[in-house]
Amino acid sequence: MATDHSRIAARFMISPAVILLLGWMIVPLSMTVYFSFLNYNLLTPGLEKWIGLTNYEFFLTDPAFFAALGNTLLLVGGVLIITIVGGIGLAILLDQPMWGQGIVRILVIAPFFVMPTVSALVWKNMFMNPVNGLFAHAAKAMGLQPFDFLAHAPLFSIILIVAWQWLPFATLILLTAMQSLDQEQLEAAKMDGARKISRFIYIVLPHLARAVTVVVLIQTIFLLSVFAEILVTTNGGPGYASTNITYLVYVQSLLQFDVGGGSAGGIVAVILANIGAIFLMRIIGKNLEA
């Protein structure tokens, strides 16, 4: 049991790291909050003035905000559906005995370690290029007209790229949960005459419920801030077709030089992300306690 003296010593030793982390978070956040109340444009330095909540009013009433919010929700939802469904399928497949099982697992997990910028460039130039991409060559081989994914289905293209990156993570978590499943329970159900689909629905899926909730929580936190894939492939276009809230804040701050409006958008994004995180934590917490 820890004594009062050891607790005080432990707190004293970790206090520098805690203070550093707090400063690392609080100082930028405080500056962002301060700038969000200013008419601060990089093209007119030295002319900043206090305008209160005007930046928030303009940002929240901008049609681009609602388009970006809808795209953000579609991006998060689409990636979650693909990664969870695909992760369950790959977890079941990789859980089966096969030759070279370890190598196959490494190959499946490998995309998770590729930098987002690199994977986006690979998908843009190697797969989705309407002239020299692999999808274009496959379409020509079948006598079809090549489809320009990034021009005509930009948000769907972003969802595919991001899902490809996060699918290994979901597969790894779900495979770990799959391997902890009691095989005797499956054997008993099989002996009782239960079909494969029934065993999957009534035994496997309930067992994977907690792993799925963990995947949903962790991925949602990161998917709300997807940026590199959009910057490298579509630049948020055409128009606002593939712009999410993170990219909208970038455009307003660094491309339109409106630091005040971009700061207001950043605070709005933080508030929305925290609301979503609290909502997910409540739902997932109940699921994990069940």
C-alpha atoms as a PDB file:
ATOM      1  CA  MET A   1       0.000   0.000   0.000  1.00  0.00           C
ATOM      2  CA  ALA A   2       1.275   3.447  -0.908  1.00  0.00           C
ATOM      3  CA  THR A   3       1.999   5.795   1.985  1.00  0.00           C
ATOM      4  CA  ASP A   4       1.255   9.508   2.062  1.00  0.00           C
ATOM      5  CA  HIS A   5       4.953  10.209   1.648  1.00  0.00           C
ATOM      6  CA  SER A   6       5.224   8.019  -1.479  1.00  0.00           C
ATOM      7  CA  ARG A   7       2.117   9.621  -2.987  1.00  0.00           C
ATOM      8  CA  ILE A   8       3.538  13.113  -2.444  1.00  0.00           C
ATOM      9  CA  ALA A   9       6.848  12.040  -3.978  1.00  0.00           C
ATOM     10  CA  ALA A  10       5.117  10.514  -6.995  1.00  0.00           C
ATOM     11  CA  ARG A  11       3.067  13.654  -7.576  1.00  0.00           C
ATOM     12  CA  PHE A  12       6.163  15.808  -7.247  1.00  0.00           C
ATOM     13  CA  MET A  13       8.063  13.716  -9.827  1.00  0.00           C
ATOM     14  CA  ILE A  14       5.293  13.717 -12.448  1.00  0.00           C
ATOM     15  CA  SER A  15       4.379  17.386 -11.932  1.00  0.00           C
ATOM     16  CA  PRO A  16       6.911  18.740 -14.511  1.00  0.00           C
ATOM     17  CA  ALA A  17       5.461  16.533 -17.241  1.00  0.00           C
ATOM     18  CA  VAL A  18       1.898  17.454 -16.273  1.00  0.00           C
ATOM     19  CA  ILE A  19       2.709  21.182 -16.226  1.00  0.00           C
ATOM     20  CA  LEU A  20       4.422  20.916 -19.620  1.00  0.00           C
ATOM     21  CA  LEU A  21       1.449  19.100 -21.149  1.00  0.00           C
ATOM     22  CA  LEU A  22      -1.006  21.596 -19.682  1.00  0.00           C
ATOM     23  CA  GLY A  23       1.013  24.490 -21.075  1.00  0.00           C
ATOM     24  CA  TRP A  24       1.274  22.731 -24.436  1.00  0.00           C
ATOM     25  CA  MET A  25      -2.527  22.549 -24.594  1.00  0.00           C
ATOM     26  CA  ILE A  26      -3.721  25.625 -22.736  1.00  0.00           C
ATOM     27  CA  VAL A  27      -1.490  28.262 -24.369  1.00  0.00           C
ATOM     28  CA  PRO A  28      -2.496  27.514 -28.011  1.00  0.00           C
ATOM     29  CA  LEU A  29      -6.131  27.046 -27.016  1.00  0.00           C
ATOM     30  CA  SER A  30      -6.171  30.340 -25.128  1.00  0.00           C
ATOM     31  CA  MET A  31      -4.603  32.173 -28.066  1.00  0.00           C
ATOM     32  CA  THR A  32      -7.150  30.624 -30.436  1.00  0.00           C
ATOM     33  CA  VAL A  33     -10.024  31.742 -28.204  1.00  0.00           C
ATOM     34  CA  TYR A  34      -8.551  35.248 -28.037  1.00  0.00           C
ATOM     35  CA  PHE A  35      -8.041  35.509 -31.818  1.00  0.00           C
ATOM     36  CA  SER A  36     -11.602  34.279 -32.434  1.00  0.00           C
ATOM     37  CA  PHE A  37     -12.928  37.542 -30.945  1.00  0.00           C
ATOM     38  CA  LEU A  38     -10.730  39.741 -33.161  1.00  0.00           C
ATOM     39  CA  ASN A  39     -10.990  41.049 -36.704  1.00  0.00           C
ATOM     40  CA  TYR A  40      -7.548  39.624 -37.455  1.00  0.00           C
ATOM     41  CA  ASN A  41      -6.463  39.331 -41.093  1.00  0.00           C
ATOM     42  CA  LEU A  42      -2.887  38.560 -42.130  1.00  0.00           C
ATOM     43  CA  LEU A  43      -3.192  40.956 -45.084  1.00  0.00           C
ATOM     44  CA  THR A  44      -3.766  43.898 -42.743  1.00  0.00           C
ATOM     45  CA  PRO A  45      -1.275  43.452 -39.887  1.00  0.00           C
ATOM     46  CA  GLY A  46      -1.552  45.843 -36.985  1.00  0.00           C
ATOM     47  CA  LEU A  47      -5.216  46.644 -37.626  1.00  0.00           C
ATOM     48  CA  GLU A  48      -6.718  44.017 -35.328  1.00  0.00           C
ATOM     49  CA  LYS A  49      -9.790  45.070 -33.379  1.00  0.00           C
ATOM     50  CA  TRP A  50     -12.229  43.450 -30.974  1.00  0.00           C
ATOM     51  CA  ILE A  51     -15.478  42.382 -32.678  1.00  0.00           C
ATOM     52  CA  GLY A  52     -16.924  39.968 -30.106  1.00  0.00           C
ATOM     53  CA  LEU A  53     -18.946  37.042 -31.448  1.00  0.00           C
ATOM     54  CA  THR A  54     -19.096  38.296 -35.037  1.00  0.00           C
ATOM     55  CA  ASN A  55     -16.630  35.676 -36.285  1.00  0.00           C
ATOM     56  CA  TYR A  56     -18.743  32.912 -34.755  1.00  0.00           C
ATOM     57  CA  GLU A  57     -21.882  34.357 -36.323  1.00  0.00           C
ATOM     58  CA  PHE A  58     -20.327  34.472 -39.789  1.00  0.00           C
ATOM     59  CA  PHE A  59     -18.840  30.990 -39.476  1.00  0.00           C
ATOM     60  CA  LEU A  60     -22.018  29.318 -38.209  1.00  0.00           C
ATOM     61  CA  THR A  61     -24.219  31.009 -40.829  1.00  0.00           C
ATOM     62  CA  ASP A  62     -21.845  30.321 -43.725  1.00  0.00           C
ATOM     63  CA  PRO A  63     -23.344  27.728 -46.150  1.00  0.00           C
ATOM     64  CA  ALA A  64     -19.863  26.210 -46.371  1.00  0.00           C
ATOM     65  CA  PHE A  65     -20.093  25.290 -42.670  1.00  0.00           C
ATOM     66  CA  PHE A  66     -23.214  23.177 -43.164  1.00  0.00           C
ATOM     67  CA  ALA A  67     -21.681  21.511 -46.230  1.00  0.00           C
ATOM     68  CA  ALA A  68     -18.498  20.779 -44.268  1.00  0.00           C
ATOM     69  CA  LEU A  69     -20.469  19.480 -41.278  1.00  0.00           C
ATOM     70  CA  GLY A  70     -22.453  17.112 -43.489  1.00  0.00           C
ATOM     71  CA  ASN A  71     -19.287  15.926 -45.220  1.00  0.00           C
ATOM     72  CA  THR A  72     -17.623  15.348 -41.856  1.00  0.00           C
ATOM     73  CA  LEU A  73     -20.505  13.193 -40.639  1.00  0.00           C
ATOM     74  CA  LEU A  74     -20.599  11.249 -43.920  1.00  0.00           C
ATOM     75  CA  LEU A  75     -16.845  10.732 -43.815  1.00  0.00           C
ATOM     76  CA  VAL A  76     -16.845   9.446 -40.238  1.00  0.00           C
ATOM     77  CA  GLY A  77     -19.918   7.252 -40.774  1.00  0.00           C
ATOM     78  CA  GLY A  78     -18.715   5.835 -44.097  1.00  0.00           C
ATOM     79  CA  VAL A  79     -15.260   4.953 -42.797  1.00  0.00           C
ATOM     80  CA  LEU A  80     -16.692   3.368 -39.644  1.00  0.00           C
ATOM     81  CA  ILE A  81     -19.082   1.179 -41.636  1.00  0.00           C
ATOM     82  CA  ILE A  82     -16.370   0.015 -44.040  1.00  0.00           C
ATOM     83  CA  THR A  83     -13.772  -0.642 -41.354  1.00  0.00           C
ATOM     84  CA  ILE A  84     -16.106  -2.434 -38.945  1.00  0.00           C
ATOM     85  CA  VAL A  85     -17.744  -4.652 -41.569  1.00  0.00           C
ATOM     86  CA  GLY A  86     -14.443  -5.274 -43.360  1.00  0.00           C
ATOM     87  CA  GLY A  87     -12.592  -5.714 -40.063  1.00  0.00           C
ATOM     88  CA  ILE A  88     -15.009  -8.375 -38.860  1.00  0.00           C
ATOM     89  CA  GLY A  89     -14.703 -10.204 -42.182  1.00  0.00           C
ATOM     90  CA  LEU A  90     -10.908 -10.067 -42.178  1.00  0.00           C
ATOM     91  CA  ALA A  91     -10.750 -11.050 -38.510  1.00  0.00           C
ATOM     92  CA  ILE A  92     -12.830 -14.164 -39.202  1.00  0.00           C
ATOM     93  CA  LEU A  93     -10.655 -14.974 -42.224  1.00  0.00           C
ATOM     94  CA  LEU A  94      -7.351 -14.453 -40.419  1.00  0.00           C
ATOM     95  CA  ASP A  95      -8.549 -16.496 -37.449  1.00  0.00           C
ATOM     96  CA  GLN A  96      -8.726 -19.593 -39.682  1.00  0.00           C
ATOM     97  CA  PRO A  97      -5.677 -21.882 -39.844  1.00  0.00           C
ATOM     98  CA  MET A  98      -3.785 -21.286 -43.087  1.00  0.00           C
ATOM     99  CA  TRP A  99      -0.310 -21.542 -44.543  1.00  0.00           C
ATOM    100  CA  GLY A 100       1.776 -18.418 -43.950  1.00  0.00           C
ATOM    101  CA  GLN A 101      -0.728 -17.047 -41.460  1.00  0.00           C
ATOM    102  CA  GLY A 102       1.819 -14.748 -39.788  1.00  0.00           C
ATOM    103  CA  ILE A 103       2.926 -13.219 -43.101  1.00  0.00           C
ATOM    104  CA  VAL A 104      -0.681 -12.646 -44.172  1.00  0.00           C
ATOM    105  CA  ARG A 105      -1.461 -10.886 -40.908  1.00  0.00           C
ATOM    106  CA  ILE A 106       1.566  -8.614 -41.303  1.00  0.00           C
ATOM    107  CA  LEU A 107       0.514  -7.720 -44.864  1.00  0.00           C
ATOM    108  CA  VAL A 108      -3.032  -6.928 -43.735  1.00  0.00           C
ATOM    109  CA  ILE A 109      -1.850  -4.700 -40.888  1.00  0.00           C
ATOM    110  CA  ALA A 110       0.893  -2.963 -42.939  1.00  0.00           C
ATOM    111  CA  PRO A 111      -1.277  -0.134 -44.418  1.00  0.00           C
ATOM    112  CA  PHE A 112      -1.826   1.275 -40.928  1.00  0.00           C
ATOM    113  CA  PHE A 113       1.857   2.246 -40.760  1.00  0.00           C
ATOM    114  CA  VAL A 114       1.826   4.181 -44.055  1.00  0.00           C
ATOM    115  CA  MET A 115       1.778   7.956 -43.656  1.00  0.00           C
ATOM    116  CA  PRO A 116      -1.583   9.522 -44.652  1.00  0.00           C
ATOM    117  CA  THR A 117       0.078  11.789 -47.216  1.00  0.00           C
ATOM    118  CA  VAL A 118       1.882   8.868 -48.847  1.00  0.00           C
ATOM    119  CA  SER A 119      -1.210   6.663 -49.004  1.00  0.00           C
ATOM    120  CA  ALA A 120      -3.269   9.526 -50.448  1.00  0.00           C
ATOM    121  CA  LEU A 121      -0.658  10.135 -53.157  1.00  0.00           C
ATOM    122  CA  VAL A 122      -0.551   6.415 -53.985  1.00  0.00           C
ATOM    123  CA  TRP A 123      -4.324   6.215 -54.312  1.00  0.00           C
ATOM    124  CA  LYS A 124      -4.484   9.439 -56.315  1.00  0.00           C
ATOM    125  CA  ASN A 125      -1.781   8.572 -58.854  1.00  0.00           C
ATOM    126  CA  MET A 126      -1.654   4.781 -58.931  1.00  0.00           C
ATOM    127  CA  PHE A 127      -5.304   3.780 -58.512  1.00  0.00           C
ATOM    128  CA  MET A 128      -7.680   6.696 -59.181  1.00  0.00           C
ATOM    129  CA  ASN A 129      -5.906   8.520 -61.979  1.00  0.00           C
ATOM    130  CA  PRO A 130      -8.456   8.597 -64.856  1.00  0.00           C
ATOM    131  CA  VAL A 131      -5.729   8.128 -67.497  1.00  0.00           C
ATOM    132  CA  ASN A 132      -2.964   5.945 -66.078  1.00  0.00           C
ATOM    133  CA  GLY A 133      -4.544   4.575 -62.891  1.00  0.00           C
ATOM    134  CA  LEU A 134      -5.137   0.887 -62.285  1.00  0.00           C
ATOM    135  CA  PHE A 135      -8.900   1.441 -62.061  1.00  0.00           C
ATOM    136  CA  ALA A 136      -8.814   3.202 -65.453  1.00  0.00           C
ATOM    137  CA  HIS A 137      -6.879   0.335 -67.062  1.00  0.00           C
ATOM    138  CA  ALA A 138      -9.286  -2.197 -65.543  1.00  0.00           C
ATOM    139  CA  ALA A 139     -12.268  -0.263 -66.928  1.00  0.00           C
ATOM    140  CA  LYS A 140     -10.687  -0.097 -70.381  1.00  0.00           C
ATOM    141  CA  ALA A 141      -9.959  -3.833 -70.280  1.00  0.00           C
ATOM    142  CA  MET A 142     -13.670  -4.466 -69.680  1.00  0.00           C
ATOM    143  CA  GLY A 143     -14.689  -2.062 -72.456  1.00  0.00           C
ATOM    144  CA  LEU A 144     -15.926   0.618 -70.055  1.00  0.00           C
ATOM    145  CA  GLN A 145     -15.217   4.332 -69.872  1.00  0.00           C
ATOM    146  CA  PRO A 146     -12.714   5.199 -67.094  1.00  0.00           C
ATOM    147  CA  PHE A 147     -14.311   6.969 -64.134  1.00  0.00           C
ATOM    148  CA  ASP A 148     -12.675  10.033 -62.606  1.00  0.00           C
ATOM    149  CA  PHE A 149     -13.216   9.272 -58.925  1.00  0.00           C
ATOM    150  CA  LEU A 150     -11.692  12.442 -57.498  1.00  0.00           C
ATOM    151  CA  ALA A 151     -13.688  14.712 -59.826  1.00  0.00           C
ATOM    152  CA  HIS A 152     -17.088  13.015 -59.821  1.00  0.00           C
ATOM    153  CA  ALA A 153     -17.101  11.197 -56.458  1.00  0.00           C
ATOM    154  CA  PRO A 154     -14.606  13.142 -54.323  1.00  0.00           C
ATOM    155  CA  LEU A 155     -16.050  12.424 -50.891  1.00  0.00           C
ATOM    156  CA  PHE A 156     -16.481   8.729 -51.668  1.00  0.00           C
ATOM    157  CA  SER A 157     -12.851   8.650 -52.819  1.00  0.00           C
ATOM    158  CA  ILE A 158     -11.689  10.218 -49.555  1.00  0.00           C
ATOM    159  CA  ILE A 159     -13.751   7.678 -47.609  1.00  0.00           C
ATOM    160  CA  LEU A 160     -12.083   4.805 -49.513  1.00  0.00           C
ATOM    161  CA  ILE A 161      -8.592   6.171 -48.887  1.00  0.00           C
ATOM    162  CA  VAL A 162      -9.143   6.786 -45.181  1.00  0.00           C
ATOM    163  CA  ALA A 163     -10.943   3.445 -44.727  1.00  0.00           C
ATOM    164  CA  TRP A 164      -7.992   1.641 -46.340  1.00  0.00           C
ATOM    165  CA  GLN A 165      -5.730   3.249 -43.742  1.00  0.00           C
ATOM    166  CA  TRP A 166      -7.906   2.418 -40.741  1.00  0.00           C
ATOM    167  CA  LEU A 167      -9.056  -1.061 -41.781  1.00  0.00           C
ATOM    168  CA  PRO A 168      -5.890  -2.732 -40.374  1.00  0.00           C
ATOM    169  CA  PHE A 169      -6.477  -1.101 -36.979  1.00  0.00           C
ATOM    170  CA  ALA A 170     -10.049  -2.379 -36.797  1.00  0.00           C
ATOM    171  CA  THR A 171      -8.924  -5.810 -38.017  1.00  0.00           C
ATOM    172  CA  LEU A 172      -6.227  -6.041 -35.345  1.00  0.00           C
ATOM    173  CA  ILE A 173      -8.600  -5.145 -32.495  1.00  0.00           C
ATOM    174  CA  LEU A 174     -11.366  -7.446 -33.744  1.00  0.00           C
ATOM    175  CA  LEU A 175      -8.945 -10.312 -34.437  1.00  0.00           C
ATOM    176  CA  THR A 176      -7.673 -10.083 -30.867  1.00  0.00           C
ATOM    177  CA  ALA A 177     -11.252 -10.245 -29.604  1.00  0.00           C
ATOM    178  CA  MET A 178     -12.015 -13.127 -31.978  1.00  0.00           C
ATOM    179  CA  GLN A 179      -9.127 -15.186 -30.602  1.00  0.00           C
ATOM    180  CA  SER A 180     -10.465 -14.791 -27.066  1.00  0.00           C
ATOM    181  CA  LEU A 181     -13.775 -16.408 -28.039  1.00  0.00           C
ATOM    182  CA  ASP A 182     -14.512 -19.652 -26.195  1.00  0.00           C
ATOM    183  CA  GLN A 183     -14.273 -22.359 -28.851  1.00  0.00           C
ATOM    184  CA  GLU A 184     -16.144 -24.822 -26.647  1.00  0.00           C
ATOM    185  CA  GLN A 185     -19.202 -22.583 -26.865  1.00  0.00           C
ATOM    186  CA  LEU A 186     -19.047 -22.703 -30.662  1.00  0.00           C
ATOM    187  CA  GLU A 187     -18.572 -26.467 -30.626  1.00  0.00           C
ATOM    188  CA  ALA A 188     -21.558 -26.890 -28.311  1.00  0.00           C
ATOM    189  CA  ALA A 189     -23.727 -24.772 -30.604  1.00  0.00           C
ATOM    190  CA  LYS A 190     -22.514 -26.775 -33.601  1.00  0.00           C
ATOM    191  CA  MET A 191     -23.380 -30.054 -31.900  1.00  0.00           C
ATOM    192  CA  ASP A 192     -26.843 -28.673 -31.136  1.00  0.00           C
ATOM    193  CA  GLY A 193     -27.391 -28.170 -34.859  1.00  0.00           C
ATOM    194  CA  ALA A 194     -26.898 -24.415 -35.072  1.00  0.00           C
ATOM    195  CA  ARG A 195     -25.891 -23.246 -38.545  1.00  0.00           C
ATOM    196  CA  LYS A 196     -22.832 -21.099 -39.242  1.00  0.00           C
ATOM    197  CA  ILE A 197     -24.899 -17.952 -39.734  1.00  0.00           C
ATOM    198  CA  SER A 198     -26.734 -18.570 -36.455  1.00  0.00           C
ATOM    199  CA  ARG A 199     -23.477 -19.146 -34.589  1.00  0.00           C
ATOM    200  CA  PHE A 200     -22.103 -15.944 -36.055  1.00  0.00           C
ATOM    201  CA  ILE A 201     -25.165 -13.831 -35.164  1.00  0.00           C
ATOM    202  CA  TYR A 202     -25.836 -15.188 -31.674  1.00  0.00           C
ATOM    203  CA  ILE A 203     -22.317 -16.023 -30.448  1.00  0.00           C
ATOM    204  CA  VAL A 204     -19.587 -14.279 -32.449  1.00  0.00           C
ATOM    205  CA  LEU A 205     -21.181 -10.833 -32.885  1.00  0.00           C
ATOM    206  CA  PRO A 206     -22.165 -10.389 -29.206  1.00  0.00           C
ATOM    207  CA  HIS A 207     -18.630 -11.392 -28.248  1.00  0.00           C
ATOM    208  CA  LEU A 208     -17.197  -8.729 -30.581  1.00  0.00           C
ATOM    209  CA  ALA A 209     -19.522  -5.967 -29.304  1.00  0.00           C
ATOM    210  CA  ARG A 210     -17.005  -4.501 -26.853  1.00  0.00           C
ATOM    211  CA  ALA A 211     -14.202  -4.554 -29.415  1.00  0.00           C
ATOM    212  CA  VAL A 212     -16.456  -2.801 -31.933  1.00  0.00           C
ATOM    213  CA  THR A 213     -17.273  -0.056 -29.420  1.00  0.00           C
ATOM    214  CA  VAL A 214     -13.553   0.522 -28.786  1.00  0.00           C
ATOM    215  CA  VAL A 215     -12.914   0.744 -32.543  1.00  0.00           C
ATOM    216  CA  VAL A 216     -15.790   3.211 -32.974  1.00  0.00           C
ATOM    217  CA  LEU A 217     -14.573   5.459 -30.154  1.00  0.00           C
ATOM    218  CA  ILE A 218     -10.901   5.598 -31.151  1.00  0.00           C
ATOM    219  CA  GLN A 219     -11.523   5.951 -34.874  1.00  0.00           C
ATOM    220  CA  THR A 220     -14.163   8.646 -34.448  1.00  0.00           C
ATOM    221  CA  ILE A 221     -11.760  10.816 -32.468  1.00  0.00           C
ATOM    222  CA  PHE A 222      -9.171  10.669 -35.256  1.00  0.00           C
ATOM    223  CA  LEU A 223     -11.599  10.772 -38.190  1.00  0.00           C
ATOM    224  CA  LEU A 224     -13.026  14.091 -37.060  1.00  0.00           C
ATOM    225  CA  SER A 225      -9.657  15.668 -37.880  1.00  0.00           C
ATOM    226  CA  VAL A 226      -8.911  14.117 -41.295  1.00  0.00           C
ATOM    227  CA  PHE A 227      -6.901  16.650 -43.273  1.00  0.00           C
ATOM    228  CA  ALA A 228      -3.886  15.340 -45.202  1.00  0.00           C
ATOM    229  CA  GLU A 229      -5.913  13.054 -47.469  1.00  0.00           C
ATOM    230  CA  ILE A 230      -8.155  15.941 -48.545  1.00  0.00           C
ATOM    231  CA  LEU A 231      -5.267  18.358 -49.067  1.00  0.00           C
ATOM    232  CA  VAL A 232      -3.299  15.913 -51.241  1.00  0.00           C
ATOM    233  CA  THR A 233      -6.170  14.634 -53.390  1.00  0.00           C
ATOM    234  CA  THR A 234      -9.087  17.055 -53.868  1.00  0.00           C
ATOM    235  CA  ASN A 235      -8.253  20.278 -51.985  1.00  0.00           C
ATOM    236  CA  GLY A 236     -11.787  20.144 -50.645  1.00  0.00           C
ATOM    237  CA  GLY A 237     -13.377  20.332 -54.090  1.00  0.00           C
ATOM    238  CA  PRO A 238     -15.013  20.456 -56.446  1.00  0.00           C
ATOM    239  CA  GLY A 239     -16.499  23.416 -54.587  1.00  0.00           C
ATOM    240  CA  TYR A 240     -17.128  22.145 -51.055  1.00  0.00           C
ATOM    241  CA  ALA A 241     -17.945  18.574 -52.128  1.00  0.00           C
ATOM    242  CA  SER A 242     -15.133  17.027 -50.076  1.00  0.00           C
ATOM    243  CA  THR A 243     -14.489  19.767 -47.511  1.00  0.00           C
ATOM    244  CA  ASN A 244     -14.786  18.766 -43.864  1.00  0.00           C
ATOM    245  CA  ILE A 245     -14.691  21.121 -40.881  1.00  0.00           C
ATOM    246  CA  THR A 246     -10.947  20.702 -40.361  1.00  0.00           C
ATOM    247  CA  TYR A 247     -10.184  21.624 -43.958  1.00  0.00           C
ATOM    248  CA  LEU A 248     -12.655  24.524 -43.850  1.00  0.00           C
ATOM    249  CA  VAL A 249     -10.790  25.989 -40.867  1.00  0.00           C
ATOM    250  CA  TYR A 250      -7.521  25.596 -42.786  1.00  0.00           C
ATOM    251  CA  VAL A 251      -8.953  27.375 -45.841  1.00  0.00           C
ATOM    252  CA  GLN A 252     -10.297  30.261 -43.827  1.00  0.00           C
ATOM    253  CA  SER A 253      -7.148  30.698 -41.730  1.00  0.00           C
ATOM    254  CA  LEU A 254      -4.293  30.123 -44.176  1.00  0.00           C
ATOM    255  CA  LEU A 255      -5.754  30.506 -47.656  1.00  0.00           C
ATOM    256  CA  GLN A 256      -8.118  33.409 -46.989  1.00  0.00           C
ATOM    257  CA  PHE A 257      -5.779  34.831 -44.296  1.00  0.00           C
ATOM    258  CA  ASP A 258      -8.737  35.311 -41.927  1.00  0.00           C
ATOM    259  CA  VAL A 259      -7.145  34.247 -38.654  1.00  0.00           C
ATOM    260  CA  GLY A 260     -10.078  35.497 -36.582  1.00  0.00           C
ATOM    261  CA  GLY A 261     -12.686  33.568 -38.570  1.00  0.00           C
ATOM    262  CA  GLY A 262     -10.479  30.484 -38.721  1.00  0.00           C
ATOM    263  CA  SER A 263      -9.925  30.609 -34.954  1.00  0.00           C
ATOM    264  CA  ALA A 264     -13.686  30.816 -34.402  1.00  0.00           C
ATOM    265  CA  GLY A 265     -14.103  27.797 -36.690  1.00  0.00           C
ATOM    266  CA  GLY A 266     -11.441  25.933 -34.742  1.00  0.00           C
ATOM    267  CA  ILE A 267     -13.233  26.560 -31.442  1.00  0.00           C
ATOM    268  CA  VAL A 268     -16.532  25.440 -32.992  1.00  0.00           C
ATOM    269  CA  ALA A 269     -14.802  22.262 -34.235  1.00  0.00           C
ATOM    270  CA  VAL A 270     -13.388  21.592 -30.759  1.00  0.00           C
ATOM    271  CA  ILE A 271     -16.810  22.054 -29.153  1.00  0.00           C
ATOM    272  CA  LEU A 272     -18.509  19.749 -31.669  1.00  0.00           C
ATOM    273  CA  ALA A 273     -15.770  17.127 -31.252  1.00  0.00           C
ATOM    274  CA  ASN A 274     -16.147  17.189 -27.470  1.00  0.00           C
ATOM    275  CA  ILE A 275     -19.929  16.883 -27.730  1.00  0.00           C
ATOM    276  CA  GLY A 276     -19.499  13.859 -29.984  1.00  0.00           C
ATOM    277  CA  ALA A 277     -16.859  12.366 -27.670  1.00  0.00           C
ATOM    278  CA  ILE A 278     -19.059  12.781 -24.578  1.00  0.00           C
ATOM    279  CA  PHE A 279     -22.005  11.242 -26.419  1.00  0.00           C
ATOM    280  CA  LEU A 280     -19.913   8.279 -27.545  1.00  0.00           C
ATOM    281  CA  MET A 281     -18.365   7.814 -24.109  1.00  0.00           C
ATOM    282  CA  ARG A 282     -21.790   7.586 -22.505  1.00  0.00           C
ATOM    283  CA  ILE A 283     -23.044   5.020 -25.018  1.00  0.00           C
ATOM    284  CA  ILE A 284     -19.836   3.010 -25.069  1.00  0.00           C
ATOM    285  CA  GLY A 285     -19.473   3.170 -21.298  1.00  0.00           C
ATOM    286  CA  LYS A 286     -22.879   1.575 -20.878  1.00  0.00           C
ATOM    287  CA  ASN A 287     -21.965  -1.082 -23.433  1.00  0.00           C
ATOM    288  CA  LEU A 288     -18.678  -1.890 -21.712  1.00  0.00           C
ATOM    289  CA  GLU A 289     -20.347  -2.145 -18.300  1.00  0.00           C
ATOM    290  CA  ALA A 290     -23.061  -4.477 -19.611  1.00  0.00           C
END
